[in-house]
Amino acid sequence: MGLATPIPGRLFWLAAGLGMFAGPAWAQAPASAAAGEFAAYVKQSYQQAKARYQAAPDQAEAAWQFGRACFDMAELATNKTHRAVLAEEGIAACREAIVCQSNSAPAYYYLGMSLGQLAQTRGLSALRLVNQMEQAFRRAGELDRRFDWAGPDRNLGLLYRDAPPFISVGSRSKAREHLGKAAKLAPQFPENRLNLIEAYVKWHELQNARRELTALEGIWPQARTNLTGVAWIGSWADWEPRFQQLKEKLEPPPKALSTPHEKD
């Protein structure tokens, strides 16, 4: 299974069912040496991908790789204007890649990702982009369901989980299907199980959440060993606090100590 991007997989979520998008937790984390190293890595990757794309705009791989770099770079954006510019660049590059190679799973996948970045800048009007995102991820999944650690199912699951059910595509049954599928296709990838556990907590299915948390605890040490290097700094900065919060939330309540009856 090829790793497409080690940037945090939580593309977006819809807050309070209102279509308001927010970025991943790591993006708001305090500055640190590791965060600076990660930011430098993302910026350099963006510049290199842009140079390759400009040199060969008719090559599908160069185009979608630039689309991926635009998504990654947009995660570092500090204002909506900059995020929107990067998102538009990524959308244009991925659409060009699709023109060059209509069966490119990465092109459709990063088209959906960049549409998600653009949605973060749109407030309530972001709902107009949801159908395009859904179509892009569905097509990516049809072409390569395992791409980016089961990324198409992961993002569809998040979209169905967090989008409003009445005015958009929100669906608990579809979210359950796709988040569960992502966890089965790539069980060793922490993001997939984190998303599924958070969904179960949201749905008040705590027994299911605890079962998946146990599974996540089982794969965590190996993931820590395998997913290393500067490219993964952002992911772990996002995953670690979510993991700890879930463990605290799902920890069984302590049993009350019985008080022996006093003798007369």
C-alpha atoms as a PDB file:
ATOM      1  CA  MET A   1       0.000   0.000   0.000  1.00  0.00           C
ATOM      2  CA  GLY A   2       1.571   3.251  -1.068  1.00  0.00           C
ATOM      3  CA  LEU A   3       1.466   6.205   1.254  1.00  0.00           C
ATOM      4  CA  ALA A   4      -0.005   9.151  -0.544  1.00  0.00           C
ATOM      5  CA  THR A   5       0.275  11.833   2.097  1.00  0.00           C
ATOM      6  CA  PRO A   6       1.223  11.728   5.762  1.00  0.00           C
ATOM      7  CA  ILE A   7      -0.534  15.016   6.454  1.00  0.00           C
ATOM      8  CA  PRO A   8      -3.386  14.557   8.978  1.00  0.00           C
ATOM      9  CA  GLY A   9      -6.210  12.684   7.318  1.00  0.00           C
ATOM     10  CA  ARG A  10      -9.029  14.591   8.976  1.00  0.00           C
ATOM     11  CA  LEU A  11      -9.871  16.711   5.990  1.00  0.00           C
ATOM     12  CA  PHE A  12     -12.722  18.555   7.660  1.00  0.00           C
ATOM     13  CA  TRP A  13     -15.708  18.314   9.915  1.00  0.00           C
ATOM     14  CA  LEU A  14     -18.934  20.238   9.999  1.00  0.00           C
ATOM     15  CA  ALA A  15     -19.396  22.006  13.291  1.00  0.00           C
ATOM     16  CA  ALA A  16     -22.807  21.932  14.953  1.00  0.00           C
ATOM     17  CA  GLY A  17     -24.411  20.777  11.721  1.00  0.00           C
ATOM     18  CA  LEU A  18     -24.179  24.273  10.275  1.00  0.00           C
ATOM     19  CA  GLY A  19     -21.701  23.702   7.494  1.00  0.00           C
ATOM     20  CA  MET A  20     -18.916  25.570   9.283  1.00  0.00           C
ATOM     21  CA  PHE A  21     -15.553  23.977   8.611  1.00  0.00           C
ATOM     22  CA  ALA A  22     -12.588  23.875  10.936  1.00  0.00           C
ATOM     23  CA  GLY A  23      -9.019  22.678  10.515  1.00  0.00           C
ATOM     24  CA  PRO A  24      -7.344  19.805  12.367  1.00  0.00           C
ATOM     25  CA  ALA A  25      -6.185  20.201  15.943  1.00  0.00           C
ATOM     26  CA  TRP A  26      -2.482  20.291  15.072  1.00  0.00           C
ATOM     27  CA  ALA A  27      -2.945  23.419  12.992  1.00  0.00           C
ATOM     28  CA  GLN A  28      -3.887  25.372  16.126  1.00  0.00           C
ATOM     29  CA  ALA A  29      -1.124  23.860  18.297  1.00  0.00           C
ATOM     30  CA  PRO A  30       1.458  26.176  19.916  1.00  0.00           C
ATOM     31  CA  ALA A  31       4.641  26.773  17.934  1.00  0.00           C
ATOM     32  CA  SER A  32       7.518  24.393  18.658  1.00  0.00           C
ATOM     33  CA  ALA A  33      10.773  23.285  17.099  1.00  0.00           C
ATOM     34  CA  ALA A  34       9.046  20.206  15.678  1.00  0.00           C
ATOM     35  CA  ALA A  35       6.173  22.299  14.312  1.00  0.00           C
ATOM     36  CA  GLY A  36       8.663  24.643  12.652  1.00  0.00           C
ATOM     37  CA  GLU A  37      10.485  21.716  11.086  1.00  0.00           C
ATOM     38  CA  PHE A  38       7.206  20.315   9.819  1.00  0.00           C
ATOM     39  CA  ALA A  39       6.107  23.647   8.369  1.00  0.00           C
ATOM     40  CA  ALA A  40       9.430  24.007   6.563  1.00  0.00           C
ATOM     41  CA  TYR A  41       9.018  20.515   5.137  1.00  0.00           C
ATOM     42  CA  VAL A  42       5.505  21.299   3.840  1.00  0.00           C
ATOM     43  CA  LYS A  43       6.607  24.582   2.270  1.00  0.00           C
ATOM     44  CA  GLN A  44       9.588  22.999   0.554  1.00  0.00           C
ATOM     45  CA  SER A  45       7.424  20.149  -0.747  1.00  0.00           C
ATOM     46  CA  TYR A  46       4.945  22.684  -2.123  1.00  0.00           C
ATOM     47  CA  GLN A  47       7.649  24.654  -3.920  1.00  0.00           C
ATOM     48  CA  GLN A  48       9.173  21.527  -5.434  1.00  0.00           C
ATOM     49  CA  ALA A  49       5.808  20.167  -6.561  1.00  0.00           C
ATOM     50  CA  LYS A  50       4.873  23.516  -8.090  1.00  0.00           C
ATOM     51  CA  ALA A  51       8.133  23.645 -10.044  1.00  0.00           C
ATOM     52  CA  ARG A  52       7.567  20.118 -11.402  1.00  0.00           C
ATOM     53  CA  TYR A  53       4.002  20.953 -12.367  1.00  0.00           C
ATOM     54  CA  GLN A  54       4.966  24.176 -14.116  1.00  0.00           C
ATOM     55  CA  ALA A  55       7.639  22.300 -16.037  1.00  0.00           C
ATOM     56  CA  ALA A  56       5.206  19.560 -17.133  1.00  0.00           C
ATOM     57  CA  PRO A  57       1.589  20.733 -16.740  1.00  0.00           C
ATOM     58  CA  ASP A  58       0.364  18.035 -19.125  1.00  0.00           C
ATOM     59  CA  GLN A  59       1.633  15.179 -16.928  1.00  0.00           C
ATOM     60  CA  ALA A  60      -1.112  13.818 -14.690  1.00  0.00           C
ATOM     61  CA  GLU A  61       1.197  12.737 -11.886  1.00  0.00           C
ATOM     62  CA  ALA A  62       2.910  16.113 -11.648  1.00  0.00           C
ATOM     63  CA  ALA A  63      -0.508  17.788 -11.602  1.00  0.00           C
ATOM     64  CA  TRP A  64      -2.068  15.708  -8.825  1.00  0.00           C
ATOM     65  CA  GLN A  65       1.112  15.824  -6.761  1.00  0.00           C
ATOM     66  CA  PHE A  66       0.902  19.609  -6.924  1.00  0.00           C
ATOM     67  CA  GLY A  67      -2.752  19.313  -5.904  1.00  0.00           C
ATOM     68  CA  ARG A  68      -1.665  17.283  -2.891  1.00  0.00           C
ATOM     69  CA  ALA A  69       0.998  19.868  -2.023  1.00  0.00           C
ATOM     70  CA  CYS A  70      -1.605  22.641  -2.256  1.00  0.00           C
ATOM     71  CA  PHE A  71      -3.813  20.807   0.218  1.00  0.00           C
ATOM     72  CA  ASP A  72      -0.901  20.302   2.600  1.00  0.00           C
ATOM     73  CA  MET A  73       0.168  23.929   2.289  1.00  0.00           C
ATOM     74  CA  ALA A  74      -3.378  25.126   2.882  1.00  0.00           C
ATOM     75  CA  GLU A  75      -3.307  23.357   6.254  1.00  0.00           C
ATOM     76  CA  LEU A  76      -0.699  25.918   7.291  1.00  0.00           C
ATOM     77  CA  ALA A  77      -2.720  28.904   6.073  1.00  0.00           C
ATOM     78  CA  THR A  78      -3.384  31.510   8.751  1.00  0.00           C
ATOM     79  CA  ASN A  79      -6.282  33.247   7.010  1.00  0.00           C
ATOM     80  CA  LYS A  80      -9.167  32.358   4.708  1.00  0.00           C
ATOM     81  CA  THR A  81      -7.816  34.305   1.752  1.00  0.00           C
ATOM     82  CA  HIS A  82      -4.541  32.402   1.631  1.00  0.00           C
ATOM     83  CA  ARG A  83      -6.319  29.086   2.202  1.00  0.00           C
ATOM     84  CA  ALA A  84      -8.741  29.804  -0.629  1.00  0.00           C
ATOM     85  CA  VAL A  85      -5.939  30.707  -3.058  1.00  0.00           C
ATOM     86  CA  LEU A  86      -4.118  27.465  -2.303  1.00  0.00           C
ATOM     87  CA  ALA A  87      -7.333  25.467  -2.529  1.00  0.00           C
ATOM     88  CA  GLU A  88      -8.142  26.939  -5.928  1.00  0.00           C
ATOM     89  CA  GLU A  89      -4.637  26.093  -7.132  1.00  0.00           C
ATOM     90  CA  GLY A  90      -5.091  22.506  -5.962  1.00  0.00           C
ATOM     91  CA  ILE A  91      -8.532  22.194  -7.529  1.00  0.00           C
ATOM     92  CA  ALA A  92      -7.283  23.487 -10.890  1.00  0.00           C
ATOM     93  CA  ALA A  93      -4.254  21.170 -10.860  1.00  0.00           C
ATOM     94  CA  CYS A  94      -6.323  18.088 -10.012  1.00  0.00           C
ATOM     95  CA  ARG A  95      -8.890  18.864 -12.680  1.00  0.00           C
ATOM     96  CA  GLU A  96      -6.049  19.205 -15.164  1.00  0.00           C
ATOM     97  CA  ALA A  97      -4.733  15.830 -14.021  1.00  0.00           C
ATOM     98  CA  ILE A  98      -8.159  14.291 -14.641  1.00  0.00           C
ATOM     99  CA  VAL A  99      -8.197  15.735 -18.145  1.00  0.00           C
ATOM    100  CA  CYS A 100      -4.803  14.131 -18.767  1.00  0.00           C
ATOM    101  CA  GLN A 101      -5.683  10.824 -17.086  1.00  0.00           C
ATOM    102  CA  SER A 102      -9.360  10.215 -16.418  1.00  0.00           C
ATOM    103  CA  ASN A 103      -8.731   7.075 -14.328  1.00  0.00           C
ATOM    104  CA  SER A 104      -6.356   8.689 -11.831  1.00  0.00           C
ATOM    105  CA  ALA A 105      -7.504   7.879  -8.288  1.00  0.00           C
ATOM    106  CA  PRO A 106      -5.053  10.394  -6.727  1.00  0.00           C
ATOM    107  CA  ALA A 107      -6.367  13.193  -8.943  1.00  0.00           C
ATOM    108  CA  TYR A 108      -9.972  12.645  -7.836  1.00  0.00           C
ATOM    109  CA  TYR A 109      -8.899  12.133  -4.240  1.00  0.00           C
ATOM    110  CA  TYR A 110      -6.942  15.379  -3.972  1.00  0.00           C
ATOM    111  CA  LEU A 111      -9.646  17.197  -5.890  1.00  0.00           C
ATOM    112  CA  GLY A 112     -11.987  16.274  -3.046  1.00  0.00           C
ATOM    113  CA  MET A 113      -9.373  17.273  -0.476  1.00  0.00           C
ATOM    114  CA  SER A 114      -8.810  20.679  -2.068  1.00  0.00           C
ATOM    115  CA  LEU A 115     -12.556  21.245  -2.339  1.00  0.00           C
ATOM    116  CA  GLY A 116     -12.639  20.621   1.402  1.00  0.00           C
ATOM    117  CA  GLN A 117     -10.007  23.277   1.938  1.00  0.00           C
ATOM    118  CA  LEU A 118     -12.037  25.726  -0.127  1.00  0.00           C
ATOM    119  CA  ALA A 119     -15.117  24.828   1.892  1.00  0.00           C
ATOM    120  CA  GLN A 120     -13.332  25.906   5.063  1.00  0.00           C
ATOM    121  CA  THR A 121     -13.330  29.460   3.706  1.00  0.00           C
ATOM    122  CA  ARG A 122     -16.997  29.572   2.730  1.00  0.00           C
ATOM    123  CA  GLY A 123     -19.075  29.260   5.911  1.00  0.00           C
ATOM    124  CA  LEU A 124     -22.655  28.182   5.203  1.00  0.00           C
ATOM    125  CA  SER A 125     -22.112  28.369   1.452  1.00  0.00           C
ATOM    126  CA  ALA A 126     -19.639  25.477   1.867  1.00  0.00           C
ATOM    127  CA  LEU A 127     -22.619  23.152   1.666  1.00  0.00           C
ATOM    128  CA  ARG A 128     -22.715  23.840  -2.067  1.00  0.00           C
ATOM    129  CA  LEU A 129     -19.358  22.101  -2.407  1.00  0.00           C
ATOM    130  CA  VAL A 130     -20.343  18.974  -0.496  1.00  0.00           C
ATOM    131  CA  ASN A 131     -21.819  17.132  -3.472  1.00  0.00           C
ATOM    132  CA  GLN A 132     -18.665  17.788  -5.501  1.00  0.00           C
ATOM    133  CA  MET A 133     -16.550  16.432  -2.668  1.00  0.00           C
ATOM    134  CA  GLU A 134     -18.737  13.361  -2.358  1.00  0.00           C
ATOM    135  CA  GLN A 135     -18.489  12.666  -6.088  1.00  0.00           C
ATOM    136  CA  ALA A 136     -14.702  13.097  -6.092  1.00  0.00           C
ATOM    137  CA  PHE A 137     -14.142  10.718  -3.172  1.00  0.00           C
ATOM    138  CA  ARG A 138     -16.579   8.172  -4.566  1.00  0.00           C
ATOM    139  CA  ARG A 139     -14.774   8.160  -7.894  1.00  0.00           C
ATOM    140  CA  ALA A 140     -11.390   7.871  -6.160  1.00  0.00           C
ATOM    141  CA  GLY A 141     -12.702   4.884  -4.230  1.00  0.00           C
ATOM    142  CA  GLU A 142     -13.978   3.223  -7.370  1.00  0.00           C
ATOM    143  CA  LEU A 143     -10.502   3.518  -8.881  1.00  0.00           C
ATOM    144  CA  ASP A 144      -8.421   2.625  -5.809  1.00  0.00           C
ATOM    145  CA  ARG A 145     -10.179   2.108  -2.485  1.00  0.00           C
ATOM    146  CA  ARG A 146      -6.912   1.523  -0.604  1.00  0.00           C
ATOM    147  CA  PHE A 147      -5.278   4.758  -1.727  1.00  0.00           C
ATOM    148  CA  ASP A 148      -3.859   6.852   1.121  1.00  0.00           C
ATOM    149  CA  TRP A 149      -4.616   4.222   3.776  1.00  0.00           C
ATOM    150  CA  ALA A 150      -8.247   3.798   2.626  1.00  0.00           C
ATOM    151  CA  GLY A 151      -8.541   7.560   2.222  1.00  0.00           C
ATOM    152  CA  PRO A 152     -11.645   7.602  -0.015  1.00  0.00           C
ATOM    153  CA  ASP A 153     -13.715   5.672   2.529  1.00  0.00           C
ATOM    154  CA  ARG A 154     -12.215   7.633   5.415  1.00  0.00           C
ATOM    155  CA  ASN A 155     -13.205  10.986   3.924  1.00  0.00           C
ATOM    156  CA  LEU A 156     -16.616   9.810   2.770  1.00  0.00           C
ATOM    157  CA  GLY A 157     -17.251   8.533   6.272  1.00  0.00           C
ATOM    158  CA  LEU A 158     -16.345  11.896   7.790  1.00  0.00           C
ATOM    159  CA  LEU A 159     -18.458  13.717   5.237  1.00  0.00           C
ATOM    160  CA  TYR A 160     -21.514  11.568   5.954  1.00  0.00           C
ATOM    161  CA  ARG A 161     -20.899  11.688   9.701  1.00  0.00           C
ATOM    162  CA  ASP A 162     -20.635  15.455  10.032  1.00  0.00           C
ATOM    163  CA  ALA A 163     -22.704  16.954   7.221  1.00  0.00           C
ATOM    164  CA  PRO A 164     -26.256  18.016   8.138  1.00  0.00           C
ATOM    165  CA  PRO A 165     -28.681  15.185   7.302  1.00  0.00           C
ATOM    166  CA  PHE A 166     -31.602  17.295   6.136  1.00  0.00           C
ATOM    167  CA  ILE A 167     -29.982  19.983   4.016  1.00  0.00           C
ATOM    168  CA  SER A 168     -26.931  17.998   2.906  1.00  0.00           C
ATOM    169  CA  VAL A 169     -25.584  14.449   2.565  1.00  0.00           C
ATOM    170  CA  GLY A 170     -25.314  13.568   6.263  1.00  0.00           C
ATOM    171  CA  SER A 171     -26.172   9.934   6.963  1.00  0.00           C
ATOM    172  CA  ARG A 172     -25.325   7.828  10.004  1.00  0.00           C
ATOM    173  CA  SER A 173     -25.710   4.576   8.103  1.00  0.00           C
ATOM    174  CA  LYS A 174     -23.377   5.704   5.311  1.00  0.00           C
ATOM    175  CA  ALA A 175     -20.891   7.099   7.817  1.00  0.00           C
ATOM    176  CA  ARG A 176     -20.898   3.780   9.681  1.00  0.00           C
ATOM    177  CA  GLU A 177     -20.336   1.894   6.421  1.00  0.00           C
ATOM    178  CA  HIS A 178     -17.423   3.979   5.163  1.00  0.00           C
ATOM    179  CA  LEU A 179     -15.650   4.606   8.469  1.00  0.00           C
ATOM    180  CA  GLY A 180     -15.902   0.899   9.229  1.00  0.00           C
ATOM    181  CA  LYS A 181     -14.602   0.018   5.781  1.00  0.00           C
ATOM    182  CA  ALA A 182     -11.605   2.324   6.180  1.00  0.00           C
ATOM    183  CA  ALA A 183     -10.742   0.684   9.507  1.00  0.00           C
ATOM    184  CA  LYS A 184     -10.947  -2.761   7.903  1.00  0.00           C
ATOM    185  CA  LEU A 185      -8.954  -1.848   4.794  1.00  0.00           C
ATOM    186  CA  ALA A 186      -6.159  -0.121   6.722  1.00  0.00           C
ATOM    187  CA  PRO A 187      -6.492  -1.192  10.383  1.00  0.00           C
ATOM    188  CA  GLN A 188      -2.864  -0.258  11.121  1.00  0.00           C
ATOM    189  CA  PHE A 189      -3.471   3.428  10.322  1.00  0.00           C
ATOM    190  CA  PRO A 190      -4.415   5.285  13.541  1.00  0.00           C
ATOM    191  CA  GLU A 191      -6.553   7.918  11.839  1.00  0.00           C
ATOM    192  CA  ASN A 192      -9.074   5.339  10.641  1.00  0.00           C
ATOM    193  CA  ARG A 193      -9.784   3.930  14.097  1.00  0.00           C
ATOM    194  CA  LEU A 194      -9.736   7.368  15.731  1.00  0.00           C
ATOM    195  CA  ASN A 195     -12.460   8.548  13.359  1.00  0.00           C
ATOM    196  CA  LEU A 196     -14.543   5.427  13.996  1.00  0.00           C
ATOM    197  CA  ILE A 197     -14.222   5.716  17.784  1.00  0.00           C
ATOM    198  CA  GLU A 198     -15.155   9.393  17.691  1.00  0.00           C
ATOM    199  CA  ALA A 199     -18.206   8.489  15.608  1.00  0.00           C
ATOM    200  CA  TYR A 200     -19.301   5.862  18.121  1.00  0.00           C
ATOM    201  CA  VAL A 201     -18.882   8.355  20.960  1.00  0.00           C
ATOM    202  CA  LYS A 202     -20.941  10.906  19.029  1.00  0.00           C
ATOM    203  CA  TRP A 203     -23.652   8.286  18.550  1.00  0.00           C
ATOM    204  CA  HIS A 204     -23.474   7.240  22.231  1.00  0.00           C
ATOM    205  CA  GLU A 205     -22.403   3.708  21.279  1.00  0.00           C
ATOM    206  CA  LEU A 206     -19.848   3.416  24.046  1.00  0.00           C
ATOM    207  CA  GLN A 207     -19.481  -0.361  23.950  1.00  0.00           C
ATOM    208  CA  ASN A 208     -18.499  -0.184  20.278  1.00  0.00           C
ATOM    209  CA  ALA A 209     -16.213   2.748  21.034  1.00  0.00           C
ATOM    210  CA  ARG A 210     -14.406   0.844  23.786  1.00  0.00           C
ATOM    211  CA  ARG A 211     -13.982  -2.178  21.518  1.00  0.00           C
ATOM    212  CA  GLU A 212     -12.355  -0.066  18.819  1.00  0.00           C
ATOM    213  CA  LEU A 213     -10.244   1.771  21.404  1.00  0.00           C
ATOM    214  CA  THR A 214      -8.829  -1.571  22.533  1.00  0.00           C
ATOM    215  CA  ALA A 215      -7.974  -2.370  18.902  1.00  0.00           C
ATOM    216  CA  LEU A 216      -6.349   1.042  18.493  1.00  0.00           C
ATOM    217  CA  GLU A 217      -4.250   0.544  21.606  1.00  0.00           C
ATOM    218  CA  GLY A 218      -3.050  -2.716  20.074  1.00  0.00           C
ATOM    219  CA  ILE A 219      -1.740  -1.122  16.869  1.00  0.00           C
ATOM    220  CA  TRP A 220      -0.496   2.131  18.419  1.00  0.00           C
ATOM    221  CA  PRO A 221       3.085   1.023  19.291  1.00  0.00           C
ATOM    222  CA  GLN A 222       3.706  -0.409  15.815  1.00  0.00           C
ATOM    223  CA  ALA A 223       2.301   2.723  14.180  1.00  0.00           C
ATOM    224  CA  ARG A 224       4.629   4.790  16.346  1.00  0.00           C
ATOM    225  CA  THR A 225       7.537   2.707  15.053  1.00  0.00           C
ATOM    226  CA  ASN A 226       6.522   2.672  11.393  1.00  0.00           C
ATOM    227  CA  LEU A 227       5.167   6.173  10.809  1.00  0.00           C
ATOM    228  CA  THR A 228       8.181   8.278  11.664  1.00  0.00           C
ATOM    229  CA  GLY A 229      10.105  11.246  10.329  1.00  0.00           C
ATOM    230  CA  VAL A 230       9.404  14.904   9.733  1.00  0.00           C
ATOM    231  CA  ALA A 231       6.529  14.136   7.353  1.00  0.00           C
ATOM    232  CA  TRP A 232       4.563  12.562  10.203  1.00  0.00           C
ATOM    233  CA  ILE A 233       5.023  15.303  12.803  1.00  0.00           C
ATOM    234  CA  GLY A 234       1.686  16.923  11.965  1.00  0.00           C
ATOM    235  CA  SER A 235      -0.193  13.639  12.063  1.00  0.00           C
ATOM    236  CA  TRP A 236       1.081  12.639  15.491  1.00  0.00           C
ATOM    237  CA  ALA A 237       0.471  16.126  16.864  1.00  0.00           C
ATOM    238  CA  ASP A 238      -3.151  15.623  15.833  1.00  0.00           C
ATOM    239  CA  TRP A 239      -3.519  11.969  16.820  1.00  0.00           C
ATOM    240  CA  GLU A 240      -1.934  11.972  20.270  1.00  0.00           C
ATOM    241  CA  PRO A 241      -4.345  14.388  21.997  1.00  0.00           C
ATOM    242  CA  ARG A 242      -7.359  12.756  20.362  1.00  0.00           C
ATOM    243  CA  PHE A 243      -6.164   9.355  21.565  1.00  0.00           C
ATOM    244  CA  GLN A 244      -5.670  10.600  25.114  1.00  0.00           C
ATOM    245  CA  GLN A 245      -9.042  12.347  25.185  1.00  0.00           C
ATOM    246  CA  LEU A 246     -10.793   9.195  24.024  1.00  0.00           C
ATOM    247  CA  LYS A 247      -9.033   7.070  26.624  1.00  0.00           C
ATOM    248  CA  GLU A 248     -10.100   9.476  29.374  1.00  0.00           C
ATOM    249  CA  LYS A 249     -13.655   9.679  28.084  1.00  0.00           C
ATOM    250  CA  LEU A 250     -14.080   5.922  27.691  1.00  0.00           C
ATOM    251  CA  GLU A 251     -12.307   4.820  30.840  1.00  0.00           C
ATOM    252  CA  PRO A 252     -14.792   2.813  32.939  1.00  0.00           C
ATOM    253  CA  PRO A 253     -15.921   4.740  36.021  1.00  0.00           C
ATOM    254  CA  PRO A 254     -14.245   3.580  39.238  1.00  0.00           C
ATOM    255  CA  LYS A 255     -16.271   1.140  41.282  1.00  0.00           C
ATOM    256  CA  ALA A 256     -17.676   2.587  44.464  1.00  0.00           C
ATOM    257  CA  LEU A 257     -15.995   1.211  47.560  1.00  0.00           C
ATOM    258  CA  SER A 258     -18.401  -0.698  49.734  1.00  0.00           C
ATOM    259  CA  THR A 259     -18.553   0.401  53.345  1.00  0.00           C
ATOM    260  CA  PRO A 260     -18.785  -2.436  55.836  1.00  0.00           C
ATOM    261  CA  HIS A 261     -21.792  -2.308  58.139  1.00  0.00           C
ATOM    262  CA  GLU A 262     -20.938  -1.064  61.552  1.00  0.00           C
ATOM    263  CA  LYS A 263     -21.524  -3.515  64.330  1.00  0.00           C
ATOM    264  CA  ASP A 264     -23.651  -2.517  67.282  1.00  0.00           C
END
